[in-house]
Protein backbone atom coordinates (compact mmCIF):
# COMPACT_ATOMS: atom_id res chain seq x y z
CA MET A 1 20.15 -11.09 25.04
CA ALA A 2 19.02 -10.06 28.73
CA TYR A 3 21.29 -11.69 31.43
CA SER A 4 18.90 -13.71 33.49
CA ASN A 5 21.07 -13.93 36.44
CA HIS A 6 22.51 -10.82 37.20
CA ARG A 7 19.31 -9.50 39.08
CA TRP A 8 19.81 -11.83 42.03
CA ASN A 9 23.51 -11.27 42.26
CA GLN A 10 23.05 -9.86 45.92
CA ASP A 11 22.23 -12.46 48.73
CA PHE A 12 18.84 -12.47 50.15
CA PRO A 13 18.37 -11.83 53.78
CA LYS A 14 18.16 -14.83 55.86
CA ILE A 15 15.83 -15.73 58.87
CA GLY A 16 18.15 -16.31 62.22
CA ILE A 17 17.01 -18.69 64.99
CA ARG A 18 17.87 -18.27 68.46
CA PRO A 19 17.30 -21.24 70.79
CA ALA A 20 17.23 -19.82 74.15
CA ILE A 21 17.93 -21.92 77.19
CA ASP A 22 17.91 -21.71 81.22
CA GLY A 23 21.58 -21.25 81.68
CA ARG A 24 21.73 -23.00 84.93
CA ARG A 25 24.29 -26.04 84.62
CA LYS A 26 24.40 -29.48 86.47
CA GLY A 27 20.94 -30.66 85.45
CA ILE A 28 18.68 -28.03 84.21
CA ARG A 29 20.41 -26.68 80.85
CA GLU A 30 21.77 -30.22 79.97
CA SER A 31 17.89 -31.54 80.28
CA LEU A 32 16.72 -28.88 78.08
CA GLU A 33 19.56 -28.65 75.13
CA GLU A 34 18.17 -31.11 72.65
CA ILE A 35 14.36 -30.02 73.32
CA THR A 36 15.38 -26.39 72.74
CA MET A 37 17.66 -27.17 69.46
CA ASN A 38 14.81 -29.08 68.20
CA MET A 39 12.36 -26.50 68.49
CA ALA A 40 14.73 -24.24 66.43
CA LYS A 41 15.02 -26.88 63.95
CA ALA A 42 11.29 -27.26 63.51
CA VAL A 43 10.85 -23.60 62.96
CA ALA A 44 13.60 -23.49 60.55
CA ALA A 45 12.28 -26.19 58.59
CA LEU A 46 8.61 -24.97 58.50
CA LEU A 47 9.74 -21.47 57.27
CA SER A 48 12.12 -22.95 54.57
CA GLU A 49 9.61 -25.61 53.24
CA THR A 50 6.51 -22.67 53.20
CA LEU A 51 8.41 -19.67 52.22
CA LYS A 52 10.13 -18.40 49.20
CA TYR A 53 12.31 -15.63 48.03
CA PRO A 54 11.31 -13.53 44.90
CA ASN A 55 13.57 -15.63 42.71
CA GLY A 56 11.27 -18.75 43.62
CA GLU A 57 14.31 -20.27 46.14
CA PRO A 58 13.27 -21.63 49.54
CA VAL A 59 14.04 -19.25 52.38
CA GLU A 60 16.94 -19.69 54.22
CA CYS A 61 17.31 -20.08 58.05
CA VAL A 62 20.71 -19.91 60.07
CA ILE A 63 20.57 -21.25 63.32
CA ALA A 64 22.97 -20.39 66.04
CA ASP A 65 25.54 -22.75 66.82
CA THR A 66 24.58 -23.45 70.60
CA CYS A 67 21.58 -22.64 72.60
CA ILE A 68 21.80 -19.24 74.28
CA GLY A 69 22.00 -19.33 77.75
CA GLY A 70 23.52 -15.91 78.61
CA VAL A 71 25.03 -12.92 77.16
CA ALA A 72 28.39 -14.49 75.84
CA GLU A 73 26.24 -17.09 73.49
CA ALA A 74 23.80 -14.23 72.70
CA ALA A 75 26.93 -12.30 71.23
CA ALA A 76 28.20 -15.31 69.36
CA ALA A 77 24.85 -15.90 67.98
CA ALA A 78 24.80 -12.17 66.54
CA ASN A 79 28.26 -12.40 65.46
CA LYS A 80 27.30 -15.68 63.33
CA PHE A 81 24.03 -13.59 61.98
CA SER A 82 25.91 -10.79 61.00
CA LYS A 83 28.36 -12.64 58.88
CA SER A 84 25.48 -15.00 57.20
CA GLY A 85 23.50 -12.17 56.03
CA VAL A 86 20.54 -12.70 58.77
CA GLY A 87 17.89 -10.04 58.38
CA VAL A 88 15.42 -11.43 60.66
CA SER A 89 15.37 -12.99 63.94
CA ILE A 90 13.21 -15.43 65.76
CA THR A 91 14.02 -16.24 69.35
CA VAL A 92 12.34 -20.12 70.33
CA THR A 93 12.51 -21.42 74.22
CA PRO A 94 10.52 -23.97 76.03
CA CYS A 95 11.66 -23.11 79.37
CA TRP A 96 12.81 -19.78 81.53
CA CYS A 97 15.79 -17.99 80.36
CA TYR A 98 17.51 -15.02 81.63
CA GLY A 99 15.40 -12.28 79.55
CA THR A 100 18.22 -9.41 78.94
CA GLU A 101 21.17 -11.54 78.76
CA THR A 102 19.45 -13.54 76.00
CA MET A 103 17.50 -11.28 74.09
CA ASP A 104 18.36 -9.85 70.39
CA MET A 105 19.71 -6.45 71.19
CA ASP A 106 19.91 -5.06 67.20
CA PRO A 107 17.25 -2.38 67.21
CA SER A 108 16.72 -2.56 63.30
CA THR A 109 16.24 -6.05 62.88
CA PRO A 110 12.56 -7.17 63.27
CA LYS A 111 12.14 -9.88 65.61
CA ALA A 112 9.82 -12.31 67.22
CA ILE A 113 9.99 -15.07 70.28
CA TRP A 114 7.89 -18.19 70.55
CA GLY A 115 7.78 -19.07 73.86
CA PHE A 116 6.38 -22.79 74.33
CA ASN A 117 2.90 -23.06 76.14
CA GLY A 118 3.93 -26.21 78.48
CA THR A 119 3.47 -26.39 82.16
CA GLU A 120 6.59 -28.43 82.82
CA ARG A 121 8.73 -25.60 81.87
CA PRO A 122 7.92 -21.80 82.11
CA GLY A 123 8.43 -20.78 78.37
CA ALA A 124 5.61 -18.29 78.92
CA VAL A 125 7.00 -16.71 81.80
CA TYR A 126 10.49 -16.11 79.81
CA LEU A 127 8.23 -15.09 76.87
CA ALA A 128 6.41 -12.23 79.07
CA ALA A 129 9.81 -11.39 80.81
CA VAL A 130 11.96 -10.60 77.93
CA LEU A 131 9.05 -8.81 75.96
CA SER A 132 8.83 -6.64 78.73
CA GLY A 133 12.71 -6.07 78.46
CA HIS A 134 12.31 -5.37 74.58
CA ALA A 135 9.49 -2.81 75.78
CA GLN A 136 11.52 -1.01 78.36
CA LYS A 137 14.52 -0.88 75.98
CA GLY A 138 12.33 0.62 73.03
CA ILE A 139 13.16 -2.53 70.70
CA PRO A 140 9.67 -3.72 69.99
CA ALA A 141 9.21 -7.67 69.41
CA PHE A 142 6.57 -9.85 68.27
CA GLY A 143 5.44 -12.16 70.98
CA ILE A 144 4.31 -15.71 69.75
CA TYR A 145 2.26 -18.03 72.56
CA GLY A 146 0.35 -20.65 71.44
CA LYS A 147 -3.23 -20.80 72.72
CA ASP A 148 -3.52 -24.69 73.83
CA VAL A 149 -0.73 -26.28 76.40
CA GLN A 150 1.68 -28.88 74.65
CA ASP A 151 3.37 -31.60 76.51
CA ALA A 152 6.99 -31.07 77.28
CA GLY A 153 9.42 -32.10 74.34
CA SER A 154 6.75 -31.97 71.87
CA ALA A 155 8.30 -31.22 68.15
CA ASP A 156 4.70 -30.15 66.93
CA ILE A 157 4.22 -26.31 65.84
CA PRO A 158 0.37 -25.87 66.71
CA GLN A 159 -1.53 -24.14 63.75
CA ASP A 160 -1.97 -20.90 65.47
CA VAL A 161 1.98 -20.83 66.12
CA GLN A 162 2.81 -21.74 62.59
CA GLU A 163 0.17 -18.62 61.28
CA LYS A 164 2.07 -16.12 63.41
CA LEU A 165 5.68 -17.51 62.65
CA LEU A 166 4.68 -17.12 58.94
CA ARG A 167 2.95 -13.66 59.10
CA PHE A 168 5.87 -12.40 60.87
CA SER A 169 8.22 -14.05 58.82
CA LYS A 170 7.23 -12.71 55.42
CA ALA A 171 6.61 -8.94 56.98
CA GLY A 172 10.00 -9.36 58.37
CA LEU A 173 11.80 -10.54 55.20
CA ALA A 174 10.01 -7.93 53.26
CA ALA A 175 11.41 -5.40 55.53
CA ALA A 176 14.97 -6.83 55.44
CA TYR A 177 14.96 -6.92 51.75
CA MET A 178 14.00 -3.21 51.16
CA LYS A 179 16.87 -2.31 53.05
CA GLY A 180 19.79 -0.71 50.94
CA LYS A 181 17.97 -0.86 47.78
CA SER A 182 16.97 2.01 45.76
CA TYR A 183 13.65 3.98 44.38
CA LEU A 184 14.44 5.28 41.12
CA ALA A 185 12.50 8.29 40.31
CA ILE A 186 12.29 8.59 36.25
CA GLY A 187 11.40 12.43 35.97
CA SER A 188 9.75 14.32 38.65
CA VAL A 189 6.30 15.59 39.72
CA SER A 190 3.24 14.47 37.15
CA MET A 191 0.58 16.80 36.78
CA GLY A 192 0.78 18.26 40.35
CA ILE A 193 0.39 14.74 42.05
CA ALA A 194 1.44 14.79 45.65
CA GLY A 195 2.37 11.15 45.48
CA SER A 196 5.10 11.88 42.72
CA ILE A 197 6.95 14.35 45.31
CA VAL A 198 9.50 11.87 46.30
CA ASN A 199 9.83 12.03 50.00
CA GLU A 200 13.50 10.77 50.91
CA GLU A 201 12.43 10.63 54.61
CA LEU A 202 9.88 7.91 54.20
CA PHE A 203 12.29 5.91 52.05
CA GLN A 204 15.45 6.56 54.36
CA ASN A 205 13.81 6.22 57.85
CA TYR A 206 11.13 3.93 57.31
CA LEU A 207 12.19 1.75 54.71
CA GLY A 208 16.25 1.95 54.90
CA MET A 209 16.21 2.42 50.94
CA ARG A 210 17.96 5.37 49.14
CA ASN A 211 16.62 7.38 46.63
CA GLU A 212 18.10 7.61 42.92
CA TYR A 213 16.95 10.21 40.03
CA VAL A 214 17.22 10.19 36.46
CA ASP A 215 15.70 12.71 34.13
CA MET A 216 13.53 11.40 31.56
CA SER A 217 15.90 12.93 28.70
CA GLU A 218 17.85 9.88 29.49
CA LEU A 219 15.75 7.59 27.94
CA VAL A 220 16.05 10.13 24.68
CA ARG A 221 20.03 9.93 25.06
CA ARG A 222 19.97 5.98 25.31
CA ILE A 223 17.61 5.54 22.44
CA GLU A 224 19.55 8.04 19.93
CA GLU A 225 22.86 6.74 21.07
CA GLU A 226 21.44 2.94 20.79
CA ILE A 227 22.49 2.25 24.37
CA PHE A 228 20.60 -1.08 24.53
CA ASP A 229 20.96 -4.79 23.46
CA PRO A 230 20.46 -4.59 19.98
CA GLU A 231 19.87 -8.58 19.92
CA GLU A 232 17.67 -8.38 22.51
CA TYR A 233 15.73 -5.45 21.03
CA GLN A 234 14.95 -7.26 17.94
CA LEU A 235 13.76 -10.37 20.11
CA ALA A 236 11.68 -8.09 21.77
CA LEU A 237 10.19 -6.46 18.77
CA ASN A 238 9.51 -9.61 16.85
CA TRP A 239 7.66 -11.10 20.16
CA VAL A 240 5.81 -7.89 20.44
CA LYS A 241 4.55 -8.19 16.87
CA GLU A 242 3.42 -11.87 17.36
CA ASN A 243 1.96 -11.53 21.02
CA CYS A 244 0.67 -8.10 21.42
CA ALA A 245 -2.73 -7.44 19.52
CA GLU A 246 -3.05 -3.86 18.73
CA GLY A 247 -6.99 -2.66 19.34
CA PRO A 248 -9.14 -0.18 17.48
CA ASP A 249 -8.21 3.43 17.51
CA ASN A 250 -10.84 5.40 19.53
CA ASN A 251 -9.34 8.83 18.44
CA PRO A 252 -11.21 10.76 15.68
CA ALA A 253 -10.42 10.08 12.07
CA ALA A 254 -8.92 13.50 11.76
CA ILE A 255 -6.25 13.16 14.19
CA GLN A 256 -5.50 9.39 13.69
CA THR A 257 -1.68 8.83 13.51
CA THR A 258 -0.51 7.42 10.42
CA ARG A 259 0.29 3.35 10.23
CA GLU A 260 4.19 4.37 9.67
CA ARG A 261 4.10 6.42 13.06
CA LYS A 262 2.28 3.77 14.78
CA ASP A 263 4.95 1.25 13.71
CA GLN A 264 7.58 3.92 14.88
CA ASP A 265 5.63 4.10 18.24
CA TRP A 266 5.88 0.33 18.88
CA GLU A 267 9.60 0.32 18.13
CA THR A 268 10.06 3.41 20.60
CA VAL A 269 7.92 1.64 23.45
CA VAL A 270 9.73 -1.58 23.49
CA LYS A 271 13.05 0.44 23.72
CA MET A 272 11.88 2.49 26.32
CA SER A 273 10.95 -0.78 28.40
CA MET A 274 14.35 -2.34 28.01
CA ILE A 275 16.17 1.12 28.87
CA VAL A 276 14.14 1.45 32.32
CA ARG A 277 14.61 -2.02 33.35
CA ASP A 278 18.33 -1.61 32.62
CA LEU A 279 18.29 1.60 34.41
CA MET A 280 16.62 -0.06 37.46
CA ILE A 281 18.68 -3.26 37.72
CA GLY A 282 21.52 -2.74 35.13
CA ASN A 283 22.36 -5.26 32.36
CA PRO A 284 25.67 -7.08 31.94
CA ARG A 285 25.39 -6.88 28.13
CA LEU A 286 25.76 -2.97 28.18
CA ALA A 287 29.54 -3.54 29.11
CA ASP A 288 30.20 -5.92 26.42
CA LEU A 289 28.76 -3.09 24.37
CA GLU A 290 31.29 -0.70 25.78
CA PHE A 291 28.63 1.09 28.10
CA GLY A 292 30.20 0.22 31.45
CA GLU A 293 28.71 3.02 33.62
CA GLU A 294 25.20 2.37 31.89
CA ALA A 295 25.58 -1.61 32.62
CA LEU A 296 25.78 -1.01 36.75
CA GLY A 297 21.99 0.36 36.85
CA HIS A 298 20.59 1.86 40.05
CA ASN A 299 20.09 -1.31 42.15
CA ALA A 300 16.49 -0.21 42.35
CA ILE A 301 13.51 -2.65 43.13
CA LEU A 302 11.14 -0.14 42.66
CA SER A 303 10.91 2.92 39.91
CA GLY A 304 8.50 5.42 38.73
CA PHE A 305 8.02 7.27 35.45
CA GLN A 306 6.65 10.58 35.22
CA GLY A 307 5.89 10.66 31.90
CA GLN A 308 2.73 13.06 31.85
CA ARG A 309 2.96 15.77 30.72
CA HIS A 310 6.57 16.44 29.81
CA TRP A 311 7.45 13.11 28.24
CA THR A 312 3.55 12.37 26.86
CA ASP A 313 3.12 15.62 24.89
CA HIS A 314 5.87 14.93 22.68
CA PHE A 315 6.91 10.95 22.96
CA PRO A 316 4.76 7.89 23.02
CA ASN A 317 3.40 7.34 26.44
CA GLY A 318 4.72 4.83 29.26
CA ASP A 319 1.89 2.63 29.14
CA PHE A 320 3.23 -0.34 27.13
CA MET A 321 6.70 0.01 29.28
CA GLU A 322 4.93 0.25 32.55
CA ALA A 323 2.39 -2.71 31.92
CA ILE A 324 5.13 -5.40 30.46
CA LEU A 325 7.56 -4.65 33.20
CA ASN A 326 4.97 -4.78 35.86
CA THR A 327 4.00 -8.31 34.44
CA SER A 328 5.61 -11.42 35.36
CA PHE A 329 6.67 -12.18 31.83
CA ASP A 330 8.02 -10.77 28.63
CA TRP A 331 10.09 -11.68 25.65
CA ASN A 332 12.51 -13.21 27.79
CA GLY A 333 10.03 -15.63 29.23
CA LYS A 334 8.67 -15.63 32.78
CA ARG A 335 10.30 -13.66 35.54
CA ALA A 336 9.59 -11.64 38.56
CA PRO A 337 7.72 -8.25 38.00
CA TYR A 338 10.02 -5.11 37.61
CA LEU A 339 7.88 -2.70 39.66
CA VAL A 340 7.08 0.76 38.26
CA ALA A 341 5.04 3.20 39.40
CA THR A 342 2.68 5.21 37.10
CA GLU A 343 3.24 8.98 37.07
CA ASN A 344 6.24 8.56 39.42
CA ASP A 345 3.67 8.02 42.12
CA SER A 346 6.03 6.90 44.58
CA LEU A 347 3.64 6.47 47.80
CA ASN A 348 1.60 3.99 45.36
CA GLY A 349 4.75 2.32 44.31
CA VAL A 350 5.84 1.59 48.02
CA ALA A 351 2.34 -0.13 48.40
CA MET A 352 3.13 -2.11 45.38
CA LEU A 353 6.43 -2.92 46.69
CA PHE A 354 4.86 -4.16 49.99
CA GLY A 355 2.30 -6.48 48.16
CA ASN A 356 4.89 -7.98 45.66
CA LEU A 357 7.29 -8.60 48.55
CA LEU A 358 4.48 -10.36 50.63
CA THR A 359 3.09 -12.28 47.77
CA ASN A 360 5.92 -12.63 45.02
CA THR A 361 3.10 -11.63 42.59
CA ALA A 362 2.47 -8.71 39.92
CA GLN A 363 0.62 -5.70 41.20
CA ILE A 364 -2.19 -4.04 39.69
CA PHE A 365 -1.70 -0.16 39.63
CA ALA A 366 -4.95 1.74 39.24
CA ASP A 367 -6.89 5.13 39.75
CA VAL A 368 -9.67 4.42 42.47
CA ARG A 369 -11.80 6.22 40.00
CA THR A 370 -15.53 6.08 40.63
CA TYR A 371 -18.07 4.61 43.24
CA TRP A 372 -21.04 2.91 41.40
CA SER A 373 -23.95 2.78 43.86
CA PRO A 374 -26.63 0.12 43.12
CA ASP A 375 -29.15 2.87 42.44
CA SER A 376 -26.56 4.30 40.05
CA VAL A 377 -25.86 1.04 38.18
CA LYS A 378 -29.80 0.46 38.26
CA ARG A 379 -30.37 4.11 36.54
CA VAL A 380 -27.66 3.98 33.99
CA THR A 381 -27.87 0.39 32.88
CA GLY A 382 -31.34 -1.34 34.24
CA HIS A 383 -29.34 -3.80 35.66
CA THR A 384 -29.60 -5.10 39.60
CA LEU A 385 -26.25 -5.73 41.29
CA SER A 386 -25.96 -9.05 43.10
CA GLY A 387 -23.37 -11.25 44.97
CA ALA A 388 -20.37 -9.71 46.26
CA ALA A 389 -21.27 -6.53 44.16
CA LYS A 390 -24.84 -6.13 45.71
CA ASP A 391 -23.67 -3.22 47.94
CA GLY A 392 -21.87 -1.19 45.21
CA ILE A 393 -18.67 -1.29 43.29
CA LEU A 394 -15.35 0.42 42.72
CA HIS A 395 -14.21 1.33 39.14
CA LEU A 396 -10.42 0.63 39.33
CA ILE A 397 -9.17 2.09 36.02
CA ASN A 398 -6.09 4.23 35.05
CA SER A 399 -4.13 5.81 32.07
CA GLY A 400 -1.42 4.10 33.39
CA PRO A 401 -1.60 0.44 32.73
CA ALA A 402 -1.85 -2.31 35.13
CA ALA A 403 0.47 -5.85 34.78
CA LEU A 404 -1.29 -8.04 32.44
CA ASP A 405 -1.54 -10.54 35.34
CA GLY A 406 -4.46 -8.62 36.29
CA THR A 407 -6.27 -10.26 33.75
CA GLY A 408 -7.11 -13.00 36.00
CA GLU A 409 -6.32 -15.44 33.13
CA GLN A 410 -4.24 -17.30 35.55
CA SER A 411 -5.98 -19.96 37.89
CA ARG A 412 -5.55 -21.81 41.02
CA ASP A 413 -7.63 -24.54 42.08
CA GLY A 414 -10.17 -23.74 38.80
CA GLN A 415 -10.36 -20.08 39.71
CA PRO A 416 -8.81 -17.01 38.56
CA ALA A 417 -5.79 -15.80 40.24
CA MET A 418 -2.19 -14.04 40.12
CA LYS A 419 0.52 -16.26 40.84
CA PRO A 420 4.28 -16.16 41.47
CA TYR A 421 5.94 -16.45 38.15
CA TRP A 422 7.46 -19.84 38.93
CA GLU A 423 3.85 -21.23 39.00
CA ILE A 424 2.63 -19.46 35.73
CA THR A 425 2.14 -21.73 32.84
CA ASP A 426 2.88 -21.11 29.36
CA GLU A 427 -0.76 -21.63 28.73
CA GLU A 428 -1.40 -18.99 31.36
CA VAL A 429 0.90 -16.59 29.82
CA GLY A 430 -0.87 -16.85 26.38
CA LYS A 431 -4.47 -16.35 28.03
CA CYS A 432 -3.27 -13.19 29.68
CA LEU A 433 -1.85 -11.77 26.29
CA LYS A 434 -4.90 -12.91 24.31
CA ALA A 435 -6.86 -11.26 26.67
CA THR A 436 -5.24 -7.82 26.54
CA SER A 437 -5.21 -5.42 23.46
CA TRP A 438 -3.19 -2.52 22.90
CA ARG A 439 -5.03 0.52 22.24
CA PRO A 440 -3.69 3.54 20.33
CA ALA A 441 -3.33 6.26 23.01
CA SER A 442 -5.77 8.66 23.40
CA LEU A 443 -4.40 11.68 21.57
CA GLU A 444 -6.01 13.94 23.84
CA TYR A 445 -4.61 13.09 26.69
CA PHE A 446 -1.27 11.65 25.03
CA ARG A 447 -0.14 13.91 22.11
CA GLY A 448 3.06 12.08 21.88
CA GLY A 449 1.04 8.91 20.87
CA GLY A 450 1.82 5.43 22.18
CA TYR A 451 -0.33 2.45 23.40
CA SER A 452 -2.24 1.56 26.17
CA SER A 453 -3.40 -1.89 27.81
CA ASP A 454 -6.99 -2.73 27.62
CA PHE A 455 -8.27 -5.69 29.34
CA LEU A 456 -11.04 -6.62 31.84
CA THR A 457 -10.11 -8.16 35.30
CA LYS A 458 -12.04 -11.65 35.87
CA GLY A 459 -14.30 -11.38 38.74
CA GLY A 460 -13.93 -13.96 41.75
CA MET A 461 -10.12 -13.10 42.77
CA PRO A 462 -9.89 -12.30 46.35
CA VAL A 463 -7.54 -9.13 46.48
CA THR A 464 -6.52 -6.37 48.84
CA MET A 465 -6.37 -2.60 47.68
CA SER A 466 -3.68 -0.32 49.53
CA ARG A 467 -2.20 2.83 49.81
CA ILE A 468 0.31 4.58 51.63
CA ASN A 469 -0.41 8.50 52.26
CA LEU A 470 1.80 11.30 53.98
CA VAL A 471 0.23 13.70 56.22
CA LYS A 472 2.34 16.68 57.42
CA GLY A 473 3.07 16.23 60.97
CA LEU A 474 2.07 12.61 61.06
CA GLY A 475 4.16 11.09 58.64
CA PRO A 476 3.27 7.84 56.47
CA VAL A 477 -0.03 6.09 56.96
CA LEU A 478 -1.06 2.96 55.52
CA GLN A 479 -4.70 2.35 54.25
CA LEU A 480 -6.02 -0.94 52.97
CA ALA A 481 -9.51 -2.76 51.89
CA GLU A 482 -9.96 -6.45 51.22
CA GLY A 483 -12.78 -7.28 48.72
CA TYR A 484 -13.05 -9.16 45.31
CA SER A 485 -12.95 -8.64 41.84
CA VAL A 486 -16.34 -9.03 40.41
CA ASP A 487 -17.97 -9.66 36.96
CA LEU A 488 -20.52 -7.78 35.34
CA PRO A 489 -22.92 -8.78 32.53
CA GLU A 490 -20.98 -7.71 29.27
CA ASP A 491 -23.28 -5.07 28.38
CA VAL A 492 -23.36 -3.38 31.61
CA HIS A 493 -19.44 -3.29 31.77
CA LYS A 494 -19.43 -1.76 28.49
CA THR A 495 -22.17 0.94 29.43
CA LEU A 496 -20.08 2.00 32.58
CA ASP A 497 -16.58 1.53 30.96
CA ASP A 498 -17.63 3.63 27.98
CA ARG A 499 -18.41 6.67 29.97
CA THR A 500 -14.62 6.88 30.69
CA ASP A 501 -11.92 6.26 28.46
CA SER A 502 -12.17 2.65 27.34
CA THR A 503 -8.76 1.79 25.95
CA TRP A 504 -7.86 1.43 29.63
CA PRO A 505 -7.69 -1.62 31.78
CA THR A 506 -10.44 -2.03 34.27
CA THR A 507 -11.01 -3.78 37.77
CA TRP A 508 -14.57 -3.77 39.24
CA PHE A 509 -13.68 -4.13 43.00
CA ALA A 510 -16.20 -4.82 45.69
CA PRO A 511 -14.86 -4.12 49.06
CA ILE A 512 -15.87 -6.37 52.13
CA LEU A 513 -17.91 -4.55 54.55
CA THR A 514 -17.97 -4.52 58.28
CA GLY A 515 -20.73 -1.85 58.96
CA GLU A 516 -18.43 0.26 60.74
CA GLY A 517 -16.29 3.06 60.07
CA SER A 518 -14.74 3.52 56.82
CA PHE A 519 -16.27 0.19 55.74
CA THR A 520 -19.76 1.26 56.55
CA ASP A 521 -20.87 0.90 53.23
CA VAL A 522 -18.70 1.14 49.90
CA TYR A 523 -19.27 4.72 49.46
CA SER A 524 -17.27 5.26 52.88
CA VAL A 525 -14.37 3.06 51.62
CA MET A 526 -14.25 5.66 48.27
CA ASP A 527 -14.90 8.56 50.55
CA ASN A 528 -11.85 7.88 52.93
CA TRP A 529 -9.63 6.47 50.33
CA GLY A 530 -6.63 8.91 50.73
CA SER A 531 -5.53 9.59 47.10
CA ASN A 532 -6.46 8.95 43.41
CA HIS A 533 -4.23 5.98 43.48
CA GLY A 534 -4.38 2.49 44.73
CA SER A 535 -2.31 -0.75 44.29
CA ILE A 536 -4.34 -4.29 44.10
CA SER A 537 -2.62 -7.41 45.14
CA TYR A 538 -4.02 -10.67 44.69
CA GLY A 539 -5.15 -12.51 47.92
CA HIS A 540 -6.43 -11.08 51.25
CA ILE A 541 -3.09 -9.92 52.59
CA GLY A 542 -4.62 -7.26 55.07
CA ALA A 543 -2.96 -8.82 58.09
CA ASP A 544 0.29 -9.34 56.35
CA LEU A 545 0.22 -5.56 55.50
CA ILE A 546 -0.26 -4.62 59.08
CA THR A 547 2.38 -6.67 60.45
CA LEU A 548 4.56 -5.23 58.01
CA ALA A 549 3.49 -1.53 58.86
CA ALA A 550 4.03 -2.42 62.44
CA ILE A 551 7.72 -3.32 61.86
CA LEU A 552 8.20 -0.39 59.74
CA ARG A 553 6.41 2.14 62.58
CA ILE A 554 3.81 3.07 60.16
CA PRO A 555 0.54 3.29 61.56
CA VAL A 556 -2.78 1.87 59.53
CA SER A 557 -5.61 4.41 59.31
CA MET A 558 -8.26 2.24 57.57
CA HIS A 559 -8.61 -1.66 57.26
CA ASN A 560 -11.02 -4.39 57.42
CA VAL A 561 -9.20 -7.08 58.63
CA ALA A 562 -10.81 -9.08 61.65
CA LYS A 563 -9.13 -8.27 65.12
CA GLU A 564 -8.19 -11.96 65.68
CA GLN A 565 -5.89 -11.92 62.60
CA ILE A 566 -3.94 -8.67 63.35
CA PHE A 567 -0.43 -9.39 64.77
CA ARG A 568 1.98 -6.53 66.05
CA PRO A 569 4.49 -6.48 68.58
CA ARG A 570 3.24 -7.19 72.16
CA VAL A 571 4.32 -3.63 73.50
CA TRP A 572 1.35 -2.10 71.59
CA SER A 573 -0.84 -3.33 74.07
CA ASN A 574 0.72 -1.00 76.49
CA PHE A 575 -0.64 2.12 74.51
CA GLY A 576 -4.08 0.80 74.96
CA THR A 577 -6.32 -2.24 74.34
CA SER A 578 -9.73 -0.87 73.92
CA ASP A 579 -8.75 1.16 71.26
CA PRO A 580 -6.30 -0.79 69.03
CA GLU A 581 -6.18 1.68 65.93
CA GLY A 582 -5.25 4.76 68.49
CA ALA A 583 -3.02 2.38 70.05
CA ASP A 584 -1.22 1.66 66.76
CA PHE A 585 -0.79 5.55 65.97
CA ARG A 586 0.51 6.09 69.55
CA ALA A 587 3.06 2.92 69.36
CA CYS A 588 4.47 4.19 66.03
CA SER A 589 4.66 7.67 67.37
CA SER A 590 6.81 6.72 70.17
CA PHE A 591 9.33 4.31 69.11
CA GLY A 592 9.57 6.29 65.60
CA PRO A 593 10.66 5.05 62.21
CA LEU A 594 12.73 1.72 61.97
CA TYR A 595 15.81 3.29 60.74
CA LYS A 596 15.54 6.53 62.59
């Protein structure tokens, strides 16, 4: 059996709360001590009550032992935070403080400052002064300033301040959690796909991660030498037989494989799933079986499997393995997804990682395959697109499978959803499995056989598609598109789906249009997308992705997020306010990657 607790044996990063105060004694500081510390406590309560770590536990906050009135207390807070595993810092104050004496000077820690909007004490003055200091020293910080004036001593956190605190904290924790983890490349470059050329500078300098590499022959070794838990394997195989319905074989009768070969393929793909998971995070059970080195794993929060073609021309494809690992459940029950990028597309894998860490949900990996205009749909099917799909749709479908969460068979408030694993019910697990069939692989693509997950995503889900691209001379660039999954009449879906390989999972996606730039129309979204793959996350999380990208110093080249939702470090405005997209590029270039 798989151990369930070793995956989280490293502490999660905590949020450090820094109550800054006017250091002048004999009246001023004394009158502000309780008010300032209560601000810190209120922020800590908000974050711990709202945010959760990937294992479902509440986010932990650490408050400095004293208010910070000068450099000695700033150093004491930094020391406490270092010992406590703090990865994100938030400074709060209702008053004037000594800016460069009280500021957080750690250049690699994401940081924000909330300056209280009140007229009795100049918290906003401190906010402006210390943000100026951050800009001058090249340590970007996010400024939080409430729109409405509050009364001195108010314990309330205004709604607009809450939104910025939560947005920053989610993004900051995502950045902090990646630090020190690994991307595990299993194999190398798949079919000349540039995204599977792993760029170590991206991972090391921008994400703070290390890179690990394993040849695909390691799977053969572990299968042949039985380096996996035999008890878990039997459990997994039985679960698959009971829950994973095999769909029809689309291959011509002359080349279809025998029943015996199909059964062997099931055994192989189950072993592949266990082995790739063990390669990523290790498995203490292997040490019991005297495989101590293999038991350790590679400390990977993200991996990629090359598959095509060096593996798939001879062995069963990685579709089942990728689908079940990316899903929020398997034979061991509900659990956080193990992120695996199809075709070792590490750049799409990074987008999957961003979405997962911001939402704690599974991610859909897909080809951005086809733009269907309303006229084309009408010509081919006779159907007139309407609703969210009225301006056209994108067919998201891939020979590498998507997480079963992507069926949309989970629900929230009666609407289809993709949820953190701790919110998923047993009934919803059953619905996801029932909505998925496992089709024998198309042998023209996958000579070694295997199985591909086949499902149709329910319409009505708010989703965000994103992608990291690498540009020579520029570096990484993020693009994203918020929109909705949409339903089509069954016959219309079948007609369109059958024009490609119908054994693969499909999501019909309608991006939200702004009438400008890349979002002038749906065609423009497709035409400006930077690669063949995209990662689809549940929810409209574009603003969170933009905040995370700013923390990492990755510019955003394409988005349809309303300008009032965009939250970046205050110094970004010094690079220009009339052209925020250009200012973002200039700021990221000037400051360079977070871990340069």
